[in-house]
Amino acid sequence: MKEHLETIDQVIEKLGGSRAVAEITARGTSISMVPSWRYRKRFPAQSYKRMKDALEERGFSAPDSLWGM
């Protein structure tokens, strides 16, 4: 059974922190962008597939609303 995450902070933590999330999104995201996502309380929509796949691989799930969907 997957652990369901509810917040941006939980997702970032479970994916390994800001640097790991910047690498996972692989869209030229600098580590400095990740805190702005925390502030906005939403991940960019274009990061959805990569991040959801990374969560799935680690046994986690998160609501689509964290990506504004």
Protein backbone atom coordinates (compact mmCIF):
# COMPACT_ATOMS: atom_id res chain seq x y z
CA MET A 1 0.00 0.00 0.00
CA LYS A 2 1.30 3.44 -0.92
CA GLU A 3 1.84 6.16 1.61
CA HIS A 4 -0.28 9.13 0.60
CA LEU A 5 1.38 12.52 0.89
CA GLU A 6 -0.74 15.65 1.27
CA THR A 7 1.63 18.62 1.13
CA ILE A 8 4.35 20.13 -1.04
CA ASP A 9 6.78 19.82 1.86
CA GLN A 10 6.06 16.10 2.27
CA VAL A 11 6.59 15.46 -1.44
CA ILE A 12 9.88 17.35 -1.52
CA GLU A 13 11.10 15.57 1.61
CA LYS A 14 10.17 12.08 0.38
CA LEU A 15 11.81 12.73 -2.99
CA GLY A 16 15.06 13.62 -1.27
CA GLY A 17 14.97 17.38 -0.81
CA SER A 18 15.25 20.42 -3.04
CA ARG A 19 18.34 19.31 -4.97
CA ALA A 20 16.82 15.89 -5.76
CA VAL A 21 13.53 17.45 -6.87
CA ALA A 22 15.40 19.87 -9.15
CA GLU A 23 17.18 16.87 -10.71
CA ILE A 24 13.99 14.81 -11.02
CA THR A 25 12.16 17.56 -12.85
CA ALA A 26 15.08 17.73 -15.32
CA ARG A 27 13.85 20.87 -16.95
CA GLY A 28 16.71 23.14 -16.13
CA THR A 29 15.21 23.73 -12.73
CA SER A 30 17.67 25.27 -10.38
CA ILE A 31 17.62 24.31 -6.74
CA SER A 32 16.61 27.92 -6.00
CA MET A 33 13.26 27.40 -7.77
CA VAL A 34 12.03 24.71 -5.38
CA PRO A 35 11.47 27.10 -2.43
CA SER A 36 9.24 29.23 -4.68
CA TRP A 37 7.07 26.16 -5.26
CA ARG A 38 6.75 25.81 -1.49
CA TYR A 39 5.77 29.47 -1.24
CA ARG A 40 3.18 29.19 -4.04
CA LYS A 41 1.99 25.85 -2.60
CA ARG A 42 1.96 24.35 -6.08
CA PHE A 43 4.36 22.51 -8.31
CA PRO A 44 4.58 23.58 -11.96
CA ALA A 45 2.25 21.53 -14.16
CA GLN A 46 5.10 20.53 -16.49
CA SER A 47 6.77 18.70 -13.58
CA TYR A 48 3.71 16.50 -12.99
CA LYS A 49 4.66 13.36 -14.93
CA ARG A 50 8.26 13.16 -13.74
CA MET A 51 7.40 13.81 -10.12
CA LYS A 52 4.42 11.47 -10.05
CA ASP A 53 6.58 8.72 -11.59
CA ALA A 54 9.32 9.35 -9.02
CA LEU A 55 6.78 9.17 -6.19
CA GLU A 56 5.31 5.96 -7.58
CA GLU A 57 8.77 4.35 -7.79
CA ARG A 58 9.30 5.14 -4.10
CA GLY A 59 5.89 3.88 -2.99
CA PHE A 60 4.18 7.23 -2.49
CA SER A 61 1.21 9.04 -3.96
CA ALA A 62 0.09 12.66 -3.82
CA PRO A 63 -3.02 14.53 -4.93
CA ASP A 64 -3.04 16.01 -8.41
CA SER A 65 -4.10 19.31 -6.85
CA LEU A 66 -0.49 19.88 -5.75
CA TRP A 67 0.17 20.49 -9.47
CA GLY A 68 -2.93 22.64 -9.91
CA MET A 69 -4.92 19.87 -11.56
